[in-house]
């Protein structure tokens, strides 16, 4: 059996062991390899398509700084309302600053050496750039960590906390929860 190439050149299959080995593989295995290749190409195509799924109720969404602050106030209100005899609770929490997002950065360092007549000069420079990825809302910076604001003070008004012992327990509880000094927590009785 001979294979014909351009300009009448002929090559014998018996002299080409690579082609001979391919024919030993079998049709089934070649079909499986071709199918695997098609699946890899198809998978890379579908990887670029963005999923538009409705978020699960179990998945927590990211909270912004304002949501974080109101969430903390609401949680403290619910916590205090669960104490026997306390009602009409109002909580105000002051924060030192807003939330802070730490972004991933790529740093490219470069250095060069120049020779002058009397001395060598070494030049070093670095270039920082923020890592960007394609998210559901378009291109977004890659956030490594988000730091929530630190509590600076807490003010509470409620009905049923005229007892000094109960006030002391509430102040100690809030001091332990938010790592706030006792003198920065105020608890007042309202009618």
N, C-alpha and C. Protein backbone atom coordinates (compact mmCIF):
# COMPACT_ATOMS: atom_id res chain seq x y z
N UNK A 1 0.85 -1.16 0.00
CA UNK A 1 0.00 0.00 0.00
C UNK A 1 0.90 1.22 0.00
N UNK A 2 0.61 2.16 -0.87
CA UNK A 2 1.43 3.36 -1.01
C UNK A 2 0.56 4.59 -0.90
N UNK A 3 1.15 5.65 -0.28
CA UNK A 3 0.48 6.95 -0.18
C UNK A 3 1.18 7.89 -1.13
N UNK A 4 0.40 8.60 -1.95
CA UNK A 4 0.97 9.52 -2.92
C UNK A 4 1.00 10.93 -2.36
N UNK A 5 2.14 11.60 -2.50
CA UNK A 5 2.30 12.99 -2.08
C UNK A 5 2.50 13.85 -3.30
N UNK A 6 2.75 15.13 -3.05
CA UNK A 6 2.91 16.08 -4.16
C UNK A 6 4.03 15.65 -5.10
N UNK A 7 3.84 15.97 -6.33
CA UNK A 7 4.81 15.77 -7.40
C UNK A 7 5.29 14.32 -7.53
N UNK A 8 4.37 13.42 -7.27
CA UNK A 8 4.67 12.03 -7.55
C UNK A 8 5.54 11.33 -6.55
N UNK A 9 5.82 11.94 -5.39
CA UNK A 9 6.63 11.26 -4.39
C UNK A 9 5.79 10.18 -3.73
N UNK A 10 6.35 9.08 -3.53
CA UNK A 10 5.61 7.98 -2.92
C UNK A 10 6.33 7.55 -1.65
N UNK A 11 5.53 7.14 -0.67
CA UNK A 11 6.11 6.71 0.60
C UNK A 11 5.39 5.45 1.03
N UNK A 12 6.10 4.54 1.48
CA UNK A 12 5.53 3.27 1.88
C UNK A 12 5.10 3.34 3.34
N UNK A 13 3.88 2.88 3.65
CA UNK A 13 3.38 2.89 5.03
C UNK A 13 4.22 1.99 5.90
N UNK A 14 4.72 0.95 5.38
CA UNK A 14 5.54 0.02 6.16
C UNK A 14 6.79 0.70 6.68
N UNK A 15 7.26 1.76 6.00
CA UNK A 15 8.46 2.46 6.43
C UNK A 15 8.15 3.52 7.49
N UNK A 16 6.88 3.81 7.72
CA UNK A 16 6.49 4.83 8.71
C UNK A 16 5.82 4.14 9.89
N UNK A 17 6.56 3.86 10.96
CA UNK A 17 5.98 3.13 12.09
C UNK A 17 4.93 3.96 12.86
N UNK A 18 5.00 5.29 12.83
CA UNK A 18 4.03 6.11 13.54
C UNK A 18 2.63 5.91 12.99
N UNK A 19 2.51 5.92 11.68
CA UNK A 19 1.20 5.75 11.05
C UNK A 19 0.71 4.32 11.26
N UNK A 20 1.60 3.40 11.27
CA UNK A 20 1.24 2.01 11.48
C UNK A 20 0.68 1.81 12.90
N UNK A 21 1.28 2.51 13.90
CA UNK A 21 0.81 2.40 15.28
C UNK A 21 -0.56 3.05 15.46
N UNK A 22 -0.84 4.09 14.73
CA UNK A 22 -2.12 4.76 14.82
C UNK A 22 -3.23 3.82 14.33
N UNK A 23 -2.95 3.07 13.30
CA UNK A 23 -3.97 2.17 12.78
C UNK A 23 -4.27 1.03 13.74
N UNK A 24 -3.36 0.73 14.70
CA UNK A 24 -3.58 -0.33 15.68
C UNK A 24 -4.49 0.13 16.82
N UNK A 25 -4.67 1.43 17.00
CA UNK A 25 -5.46 1.95 18.12
C UNK A 25 -6.89 1.48 18.02
N UNK A 26 -7.47 1.55 16.90
CA UNK A 26 -8.84 1.11 16.73
C UNK A 26 -9.79 2.28 16.58
N UNK A 27 -10.88 2.00 15.89
CA UNK A 27 -11.84 3.05 15.60
C UNK A 27 -12.52 3.57 16.87
N UNK A 28 -12.81 2.69 17.81
CA UNK A 28 -13.50 3.11 19.03
C UNK A 28 -12.67 4.11 19.83
N UNK A 29 -11.40 3.82 19.98
CA UNK A 29 -10.54 4.71 20.76
C UNK A 29 -10.33 6.05 20.06
N UNK A 30 -10.21 6.04 18.76
CA UNK A 30 -10.06 7.29 18.01
C UNK A 30 -11.33 8.13 18.14
N UNK A 31 -12.50 7.49 18.06
CA UNK A 31 -13.76 8.20 18.25
C UNK A 31 -13.86 8.79 19.66
N UNK A 32 -13.43 8.03 20.67
CA UNK A 32 -13.45 8.54 22.04
C UNK A 32 -12.52 9.74 22.20
N UNK A 33 -11.35 9.69 21.59
CA UNK A 33 -10.42 10.83 21.65
C UNK A 33 -11.00 12.06 20.96
N UNK A 34 -11.62 11.85 19.82
CA UNK A 34 -12.24 12.98 19.10
C UNK A 34 -13.39 13.56 19.92
N UNK A 35 -14.19 12.70 20.54
CA UNK A 35 -15.29 13.16 21.37
C UNK A 35 -14.78 13.95 22.58
N UNK A 36 -13.70 13.48 23.19
CA UNK A 36 -13.11 14.19 24.33
C UNK A 36 -12.61 15.56 23.90
N UNK A 37 -12.00 15.66 22.74
CA UNK A 37 -11.55 16.95 22.22
C UNK A 37 -12.70 17.91 21.98
N UNK A 38 -13.78 17.39 21.41
CA UNK A 38 -14.97 18.23 21.17
C UNK A 38 -15.56 18.70 22.49
N UNK A 39 -15.58 17.82 23.51
CA UNK A 39 -16.11 18.21 24.81
C UNK A 39 -15.25 19.28 25.47
N UNK A 40 -13.94 19.20 25.34
CA UNK A 40 -13.06 20.23 25.90
C UNK A 40 -13.30 21.58 25.24
N UNK A 41 -13.44 21.58 23.94
CA UNK A 41 -13.72 22.83 23.23
C UNK A 41 -15.08 23.38 23.65
N UNK A 42 -16.08 22.52 23.76
CA UNK A 42 -17.41 22.95 24.19
C UNK A 42 -17.41 23.48 25.61
N UNK A 43 -16.66 22.84 26.49
CA UNK A 43 -16.61 23.29 27.89
C UNK A 43 -15.98 24.67 27.98
N UNK A 44 -14.96 24.94 27.20
CA UNK A 44 -14.34 26.26 27.24
C UNK A 44 -15.28 27.32 26.67
N UNK A 45 -16.15 26.94 25.75
CA UNK A 45 -17.13 27.88 25.21
C UNK A 45 -18.15 28.26 26.28
N UNK A 46 -18.67 27.24 26.99
CA UNK A 46 -19.70 27.50 27.99
C UNK A 46 -19.13 28.16 29.25
N UNK A 47 -17.84 28.09 29.47
CA UNK A 47 -17.22 28.73 30.62
C UNK A 47 -17.34 30.24 30.53
N UNK A 48 -17.32 30.79 29.35
CA UNK A 48 -17.38 32.24 29.16
C UNK A 48 -18.79 32.80 29.26
N UNK A 49 -19.80 31.94 29.19
CA UNK A 49 -21.18 32.40 29.29
C UNK A 49 -21.51 32.62 30.76
N UNK A 50 -22.05 33.80 31.08
CA UNK A 50 -22.36 34.13 32.47
C UNK A 50 -23.67 33.49 32.87
N UNK A 51 -23.68 32.90 34.07
CA UNK A 51 -24.89 32.30 34.60
C UNK A 51 -25.78 33.40 35.16
N UNK A 52 -27.05 33.35 34.83
CA UNK A 52 -28.00 34.32 35.37
C UNK A 52 -28.98 33.55 36.25
N UNK A 53 -28.46 33.09 37.39
CA UNK A 53 -29.27 32.31 38.31
C UNK A 53 -29.82 33.21 39.40
N UNK A 54 -30.96 32.83 39.94
CA UNK A 54 -31.51 33.52 41.09
C UNK A 54 -30.72 33.05 42.31
N UNK A 55 -30.23 33.98 43.16
CA UNK A 55 -29.43 33.54 44.29
C UNK A 55 -30.24 32.71 45.27
N UNK A 56 -29.58 31.70 45.84
CA UNK A 56 -30.22 30.84 46.82
C UNK A 56 -30.50 31.64 48.09
N UNK A 57 -31.52 31.23 48.82
CA UNK A 57 -31.83 31.92 50.07
C UNK A 57 -30.80 31.60 51.14
N UNK A 58 -30.06 30.49 50.98
CA UNK A 58 -29.04 30.12 51.96
C UNK A 58 -27.76 30.93 51.79
N UNK A 59 -27.54 31.48 50.60
CA UNK A 59 -26.32 32.21 50.33
C UNK A 59 -26.48 33.64 50.83
N UNK A 60 -25.53 34.07 51.68
CA UNK A 60 -25.61 35.43 52.19
C UNK A 60 -25.00 36.37 51.17
N UNK A 61 -25.66 37.51 50.98
CA UNK A 61 -25.13 38.51 50.08
C UNK A 61 -24.20 39.42 50.85
N UNK A 62 -23.33 40.11 50.13
CA UNK A 62 -22.40 41.03 50.77
C UNK A 62 -23.16 42.21 51.35
N UNK A 63 -22.78 42.60 52.56
CA UNK A 63 -23.41 43.75 53.17
C UNK A 63 -22.52 44.96 53.01
N UNK A 64 -23.14 46.08 52.75
CA UNK A 64 -22.38 47.31 52.66
C UNK A 64 -22.23 47.89 54.04
N UNK A 65 -21.48 48.97 54.14
CA UNK A 65 -21.20 49.58 55.43
C UNK A 65 -22.49 50.02 56.12
N UNK A 66 -23.41 50.68 55.40
CA UNK A 66 -24.66 51.15 56.01
C UNK A 66 -25.52 49.98 56.46
N UNK A 67 -25.59 48.93 55.67
CA UNK A 67 -26.36 47.75 56.06
C UNK A 67 -25.74 47.10 57.30
N UNK A 68 -24.44 47.07 57.37
CA UNK A 68 -23.75 46.48 58.51
C UNK A 68 -24.11 47.23 59.79
N UNK A 69 -24.09 48.56 59.71
CA UNK A 69 -24.38 49.37 60.89
C UNK A 69 -25.82 49.17 61.36
N UNK A 70 -26.78 49.21 60.44
CA UNK A 70 -28.18 49.02 60.84
C UNK A 70 -28.43 47.58 61.29
N UNK A 71 -27.75 46.61 60.69
CA UNK A 71 -27.89 45.21 61.12
C UNK A 71 -27.42 45.04 62.56
N UNK A 72 -26.29 45.67 62.90
CA UNK A 72 -25.78 45.58 64.27
C UNK A 72 -26.76 46.21 65.26
N UNK A 73 -27.31 47.37 64.91
CA UNK A 73 -28.28 48.03 65.80
C UNK A 73 -29.52 47.16 65.99
N UNK A 74 -30.02 46.57 64.91
CA UNK A 74 -31.20 45.70 64.99
C UNK A 74 -30.94 44.45 65.83
N UNK A 75 -29.75 43.88 65.68
CA UNK A 75 -29.41 42.69 66.47
C UNK A 75 -29.35 43.00 67.96
N UNK A 76 -28.77 44.16 68.31
CA UNK A 76 -28.69 44.54 69.72
C UNK A 76 -30.10 44.81 70.27
N UNK A 77 -30.95 45.46 69.47
CA UNK A 77 -32.33 45.71 69.90
C UNK A 77 -33.05 44.39 70.19
N UNK A 78 -32.94 43.43 69.29
CA UNK A 78 -33.59 42.13 69.49
C UNK A 78 -33.02 41.41 70.71
N UNK A 79 -31.73 41.51 70.90
CA UNK A 79 -31.08 40.87 72.03
C UNK A 79 -31.60 41.45 73.35
N UNK A 80 -31.71 42.77 73.41
CA UNK A 80 -32.17 43.41 74.64
C UNK A 80 -33.66 43.19 74.88
N UNK A 81 -34.45 43.12 73.83
CA UNK A 81 -35.89 42.88 73.98
C UNK A 81 -36.18 41.47 74.50
N UNK A 82 -35.22 40.56 74.34
CA UNK A 82 -35.39 39.20 74.85
C UNK A 82 -35.13 39.11 76.35
N UNK A 83 -34.57 40.15 76.95
CA UNK A 83 -34.33 40.15 78.39
C UNK A 83 -35.65 40.42 79.09
N UNK A 84 -35.90 39.67 80.14
CA UNK A 84 -37.16 39.75 80.88
C UNK A 84 -37.39 41.16 81.44
N UNK A 85 -38.54 41.75 81.11
CA UNK A 85 -38.93 43.05 81.65
C UNK A 85 -38.48 44.25 80.83
N UNK A 86 -37.75 44.04 79.74
CA UNK A 86 -37.27 45.17 78.92
C UNK A 86 -38.10 45.25 77.65
N UNK A 87 -38.54 46.49 77.32
CA UNK A 87 -39.32 46.70 76.10
C UNK A 87 -39.01 48.09 75.57
N UNK A 88 -39.57 48.42 74.42
CA UNK A 88 -39.39 49.72 73.76
C UNK A 88 -37.90 50.10 73.67
N UNK A 89 -37.11 49.20 73.12
CA UNK A 89 -35.67 49.38 73.03
C UNK A 89 -35.32 50.19 71.79
N UNK A 90 -34.41 51.13 71.97
CA UNK A 90 -33.86 51.90 70.86
C UNK A 90 -32.34 51.90 71.02
N UNK A 91 -31.62 51.59 69.93
CA UNK A 91 -30.17 51.47 69.99
C UNK A 91 -29.54 52.35 68.92
N UNK A 92 -28.49 53.07 69.31
CA UNK A 92 -27.67 53.83 68.37
C UNK A 92 -26.22 53.40 68.60
N UNK A 93 -25.57 52.97 67.52
CA UNK A 93 -24.17 52.56 67.60
C UNK A 93 -23.37 53.52 66.72
N UNK A 94 -22.32 54.10 67.28
CA UNK A 94 -21.45 54.97 66.48
C UNK A 94 -20.20 54.18 66.11
N UNK A 95 -19.76 54.39 64.88
CA UNK A 95 -18.60 53.68 64.34
C UNK A 95 -17.47 54.66 64.07
N UNK A 96 -16.23 54.18 64.17
CA UNK A 96 -15.07 55.05 63.96
C UNK A 96 -14.95 55.48 62.51
N UNK A 97 -15.22 54.60 61.58
CA UNK A 97 -15.10 54.92 60.16
C UNK A 97 -16.00 53.96 59.38
N UNK A 98 -15.96 54.10 58.07
CA UNK A 98 -16.72 53.19 57.22
C UNK A 98 -15.96 51.90 57.01
N UNK A 99 -16.53 51.01 56.24
CA UNK A 99 -15.85 49.76 55.94
C UNK A 99 -14.71 50.01 54.97
N UNK A 100 -13.75 49.11 54.99
CA UNK A 100 -12.57 49.24 54.14
C UNK A 100 -12.39 47.95 53.35
N UNK A 101 -12.17 48.10 52.06
CA UNK A 101 -11.96 46.93 51.20
C UNK A 101 -10.49 46.90 50.78
N UNK A 102 -9.87 45.75 50.98
CA UNK A 102 -8.47 45.57 50.59
C UNK A 102 -8.46 44.82 49.27
N UNK A 103 -7.88 45.45 48.25
CA UNK A 103 -7.89 44.90 46.90
C UNK A 103 -6.60 44.15 46.60
N UNK A 104 -6.70 43.16 45.72
CA UNK A 104 -5.53 42.42 45.27
C UNK A 104 -4.77 43.27 44.26
N UNK A 105 -3.45 43.36 44.44
CA UNK A 105 -2.63 44.14 43.52
C UNK A 105 -1.52 43.27 42.96
N UNK A 106 -1.22 43.48 41.69
CA UNK A 106 -0.05 42.88 41.07
C UNK A 106 1.08 43.90 41.14
N UNK A 107 2.26 43.45 41.51
CA UNK A 107 3.41 44.34 41.61
C UNK A 107 4.46 43.83 40.64
N UNK A 108 4.88 44.71 39.75
CA UNK A 108 5.94 44.38 38.81
C UNK A 108 7.18 45.17 39.20
N UNK A 109 8.23 44.45 39.57
CA UNK A 109 9.49 45.10 39.94
C UNK A 109 10.44 45.01 38.77
N UNK A 110 11.16 46.09 38.55
CA UNK A 110 12.19 46.07 37.51
C UNK A 110 13.40 46.83 38.04
N UNK A 111 14.54 46.37 37.65
CA UNK A 111 15.77 47.05 38.06
C UNK A 111 16.75 47.04 36.89
N UNK A 112 17.55 48.05 36.85
CA UNK A 112 18.55 48.16 35.79
C UNK A 112 19.84 48.68 36.36
N UNK A 113 20.92 48.41 35.69
CA UNK A 113 22.24 48.84 36.16
C UNK A 113 22.91 49.63 35.05
N UNK A 114 23.35 50.81 35.40
CA UNK A 114 24.05 51.66 34.45
C UNK A 114 25.48 51.87 34.94
N UNK A 115 26.41 51.90 34.02
CA UNK A 115 27.80 52.15 34.40
C UNK A 115 28.19 53.54 33.92
N UNK A 116 28.65 54.31 34.85
CA UNK A 116 29.25 55.61 34.53
C UNK A 116 30.76 55.47 34.64
N UNK A 117 31.46 56.56 34.42
CA UNK A 117 32.92 56.51 34.47
C UNK A 117 33.45 56.14 35.85
N UNK A 118 32.86 56.71 36.89
CA UNK A 118 33.40 56.49 38.24
C UNK A 118 32.55 55.58 39.10
N UNK A 119 31.30 55.37 38.79
CA UNK A 119 30.43 54.59 39.67
C UNK A 119 29.35 53.87 38.88
N UNK A 120 28.74 52.91 39.56
CA UNK A 120 27.62 52.17 38.99
C UNK A 120 26.32 52.72 39.57
N UNK A 121 25.33 52.91 38.74
CA UNK A 121 24.01 53.35 39.19
C UNK A 121 23.03 52.20 39.04
N UNK A 122 22.29 51.96 40.09
CA UNK A 122 21.26 50.92 40.05
C UNK A 122 19.91 51.62 40.12
N UNK A 123 19.10 51.38 39.10
CA UNK A 123 17.76 51.96 39.05
C UNK A 123 16.75 50.86 39.34
N UNK A 124 15.88 51.12 40.31
CA UNK A 124 14.83 50.16 40.64
C UNK A 124 13.49 50.87 40.58
N UNK A 125 12.51 50.19 40.04
CA UNK A 125 11.17 50.75 40.00
C UNK A 125 10.16 49.62 40.14
N UNK A 126 9.00 49.98 40.62
CA UNK A 126 7.94 48.99 40.73
C UNK A 126 6.64 49.61 40.23
N UNK A 127 5.82 48.78 39.66
CA UNK A 127 4.55 49.23 39.10
C UNK A 127 3.45 48.38 39.73
N UNK A 128 2.47 49.06 40.33
CA UNK A 128 1.35 48.36 40.95
C UNK A 128 0.11 48.52 40.08
N UNK A 129 -0.64 47.45 39.98
CA UNK A 129 -1.92 47.52 39.26
C UNK A 129 -2.92 46.63 39.98
N UNK A 130 -4.17 47.09 40.02
CA UNK A 130 -5.24 46.37 40.70
C UNK A 130 -5.72 45.22 39.83
N UNK A 131 -5.93 44.06 40.45
CA UNK A 131 -6.42 42.88 39.74
C UNK A 131 -7.92 43.06 39.49
N UNK A 132 -8.33 42.92 38.23
CA UNK A 132 -9.72 43.08 37.82
C UNK A 132 -10.22 41.73 37.29
N UNK A 133 -11.46 41.37 37.65
CA UNK A 133 -12.05 40.16 37.10
C UNK A 133 -13.46 40.47 36.61
N UNK A 134 -13.96 39.62 35.76
CA UNK A 134 -15.31 39.80 35.23
C UNK A 134 -16.30 39.10 36.15
N UNK A 135 -17.15 39.89 36.78
CA UNK A 135 -18.16 39.35 37.69
C UNK A 135 -19.54 39.47 37.08
N UNK A 136 -20.56 39.26 37.90
CA UNK A 136 -21.94 39.35 37.43
C UNK A 136 -22.31 40.78 37.06
N UNK A 137 -21.67 41.75 37.70
CA UNK A 137 -21.97 43.16 37.45
C UNK A 137 -20.94 43.81 36.53
N UNK A 138 -20.30 43.05 35.69
CA UNK A 138 -19.26 43.58 34.81
C UNK A 138 -17.90 43.40 35.45
N UNK A 139 -16.97 44.25 35.08
CA UNK A 139 -15.62 44.16 35.63
C UNK A 139 -15.58 44.77 37.01
N UNK A 140 -14.96 44.03 37.95
CA UNK A 140 -14.87 44.47 39.33
C UNK A 140 -13.46 44.20 39.83
N UNK A 141 -12.99 44.98 40.80
CA UNK A 141 -11.69 44.67 41.40
C UNK A 141 -11.81 43.44 42.29
N UNK A 142 -10.73 42.68 42.38
CA UNK A 142 -10.72 41.48 43.22
C UNK A 142 -10.48 41.91 44.67
N UNK A 143 -11.46 41.65 45.55
CA UNK A 143 -11.39 42.06 46.95
C UNK A 143 -10.82 40.90 47.76
N UNK A 144 -9.67 41.15 48.40
CA UNK A 144 -9.02 40.13 49.22
C UNK A 144 -9.70 40.02 50.56
N UNK A 145 -10.02 41.19 51.16
CA UNK A 145 -10.59 41.21 52.50
C UNK A 145 -11.42 42.47 52.66
N UNK A 146 -12.49 42.38 53.42
CA UNK A 146 -13.29 43.56 53.74
C UNK A 146 -13.31 43.72 55.25
N UNK A 147 -12.86 44.88 55.71
CA UNK A 147 -12.83 45.18 57.13
C UNK A 147 -14.03 46.04 57.48
N UNK A 148 -14.83 45.57 58.42
CA UNK A 148 -16.00 46.33 58.83
C UNK A 148 -15.59 47.38 59.86
N UNK A 149 -16.38 48.43 60.00
CA UNK A 149 -16.00 49.51 60.91
C UNK A 149 -15.99 49.05 62.37
N UNK A 150 -15.12 49.68 63.15
CA UNK A 150 -15.00 49.37 64.58
C UNK A 150 -15.99 50.23 65.35
N UNK A 151 -16.64 49.63 66.34
CA UNK A 151 -17.63 50.33 67.16
C UNK A 151 -16.90 51.28 68.09
N UNK A 152 -17.40 52.53 68.15
CA UNK A 152 -16.78 53.52 69.02
C UNK A 152 -17.62 53.78 70.27
N UNK A 153 -18.94 53.73 70.17
CA UNK A 153 -19.79 53.97 71.32
C UNK A 153 -21.18 53.42 71.08
N UNK A 154 -21.92 53.16 72.19
CA UNK A 154 -23.26 52.60 72.10
C UNK A 154 -24.17 53.36 73.06
N UNK A 155 -25.34 53.77 72.56
CA UNK A 155 -26.35 54.41 73.39
C UNK A 155 -27.64 53.61 73.30
N UNK A 156 -28.23 53.33 74.46
CA UNK A 156 -29.44 52.52 74.52
C UNK A 156 -30.46 53.21 75.39
N UNK A 157 -31.70 53.27 74.89
CA UNK A 157 -32.83 53.70 75.70
C UNK A 157 -33.85 52.58 75.66
N UNK A 158 -34.44 52.30 76.82
CA UNK A 158 -35.43 51.21 76.89
C UNK A 158 -36.28 51.38 78.13
N UNK A 159 -37.41 50.73 78.11
CA UNK A 159 -38.31 50.71 79.26
C UNK A 159 -38.03 49.44 80.05
N UNK A 160 -37.90 49.58 81.37
CA UNK A 160 -37.69 48.40 82.21
C UNK A 160 -36.26 48.17 82.61
N UNK A 161 -35.36 49.14 82.44
CA UNK A 161 -33.97 48.94 82.85
C UNK A 161 -33.54 49.95 83.93
N UNK A 162 -34.46 50.26 84.82
CA UNK A 162 -34.13 51.20 85.90
C UNK A 162 -33.27 50.54 86.96
N UNK A 163 -33.29 49.23 87.05
CA UNK A 163 -32.48 48.49 88.02
C UNK A 163 -30.99 48.62 87.66
N UNK A 164 -30.18 49.07 88.61
CA UNK A 164 -28.74 49.27 88.36
C UNK A 164 -28.02 47.95 88.04
N UNK A 165 -28.45 46.86 88.65
CA UNK A 165 -27.83 45.56 88.39
C UNK A 165 -28.07 45.13 86.94
N UNK A 166 -29.31 45.34 86.45
CA UNK A 166 -29.65 44.99 85.07
C UNK A 166 -28.86 45.86 84.09
N UNK A 167 -28.73 47.17 84.41
CA UNK A 167 -27.92 48.08 83.57
C UNK A 167 -26.48 47.60 83.50
N UNK A 168 -25.93 47.21 84.65
CA UNK A 168 -24.54 46.73 84.69
C UNK A 168 -24.34 45.50 83.83
N UNK A 169 -25.29 44.57 83.88
CA UNK A 169 -25.19 43.36 83.05
C UNK A 169 -25.23 43.71 81.56
N UNK A 170 -26.12 44.63 81.20
CA UNK A 170 -26.24 45.04 79.79
C UNK A 170 -24.95 45.71 79.32
N UNK A 171 -24.42 46.60 80.14
CA UNK A 171 -23.18 47.31 79.78
C UNK A 171 -22.03 46.32 79.62
N UNK A 172 -21.90 45.38 80.55
CA UNK A 172 -20.82 44.37 80.46
C UNK A 172 -20.99 43.48 79.23
N UNK A 173 -22.23 43.12 78.92
CA UNK A 173 -22.49 42.28 77.75
C UNK A 173 -22.08 43.00 76.46
N UNK A 174 -22.50 44.27 76.33
CA UNK A 174 -22.16 45.03 75.12
C UNK A 174 -20.66 45.30 75.02
N UNK A 175 -20.03 45.52 76.16
CA UNK A 175 -18.58 45.74 76.17
C UNK A 175 -17.85 44.49 75.67
N UNK A 176 -18.33 43.32 76.10
CA UNK A 176 -17.71 42.06 75.66
C UNK A 176 -17.99 41.78 74.19
N UNK A 177 -19.20 42.09 73.72
CA UNK A 177 -19.56 41.80 72.33
C UNK A 177 -18.79 42.66 71.34
N UNK A 178 -18.67 43.96 71.64
CA UNK A 178 -18.11 44.89 70.66
C UNK A 178 -16.72 45.38 71.01
N UNK A 179 -16.14 44.88 72.11
CA UNK A 179 -14.82 45.30 72.56
C UNK A 179 -14.74 46.83 72.70
N UNK A 180 -15.74 47.36 73.41
CA UNK A 180 -15.86 48.80 73.65
C UNK A 180 -15.67 49.02 75.15
N UNK A 181 -14.89 50.04 75.55
CA UNK A 181 -14.75 50.32 76.98
C UNK A 181 -16.10 50.65 77.61
N UNK A 182 -16.26 50.32 78.88
CA UNK A 182 -17.52 50.50 79.59
C UNK A 182 -17.96 51.96 79.60
N UNK A 183 -17.01 52.88 79.70
CA UNK A 183 -17.38 54.29 79.78
C UNK A 183 -17.92 54.84 78.45
N UNK A 184 -17.89 54.06 77.38
CA UNK A 184 -18.43 54.49 76.09
C UNK A 184 -19.78 53.83 75.79
N UNK A 185 -20.41 53.26 76.82
CA UNK A 185 -21.73 52.64 76.66
C UNK A 185 -22.67 53.34 77.62
N UNK A 186 -23.79 53.85 77.08
CA UNK A 186 -24.78 54.55 77.89
C UNK A 186 -26.11 53.83 77.81
N UNK A 187 -26.71 53.56 78.99
CA UNK A 187 -28.00 52.89 79.05
C UNK A 187 -28.94 53.77 79.87
N UNK A 188 -30.07 54.16 79.29
CA UNK A 188 -31.02 55.06 79.95
C UNK A 188 -32.41 54.47 79.94
N UNK A 189 -33.14 54.75 81.03
CA UNK A 189 -34.54 54.33 81.18
C UNK A 189 -35.44 55.35 80.52
N UNK A 190 -36.46 54.90 79.80
CA UNK A 190 -37.49 55.79 79.25
C UNK A 190 -38.85 55.38 79.81
N UNK A 191 -39.77 56.32 79.81
CA UNK A 191 -41.11 56.04 80.32
C UNK A 191 -42.02 55.59 79.22
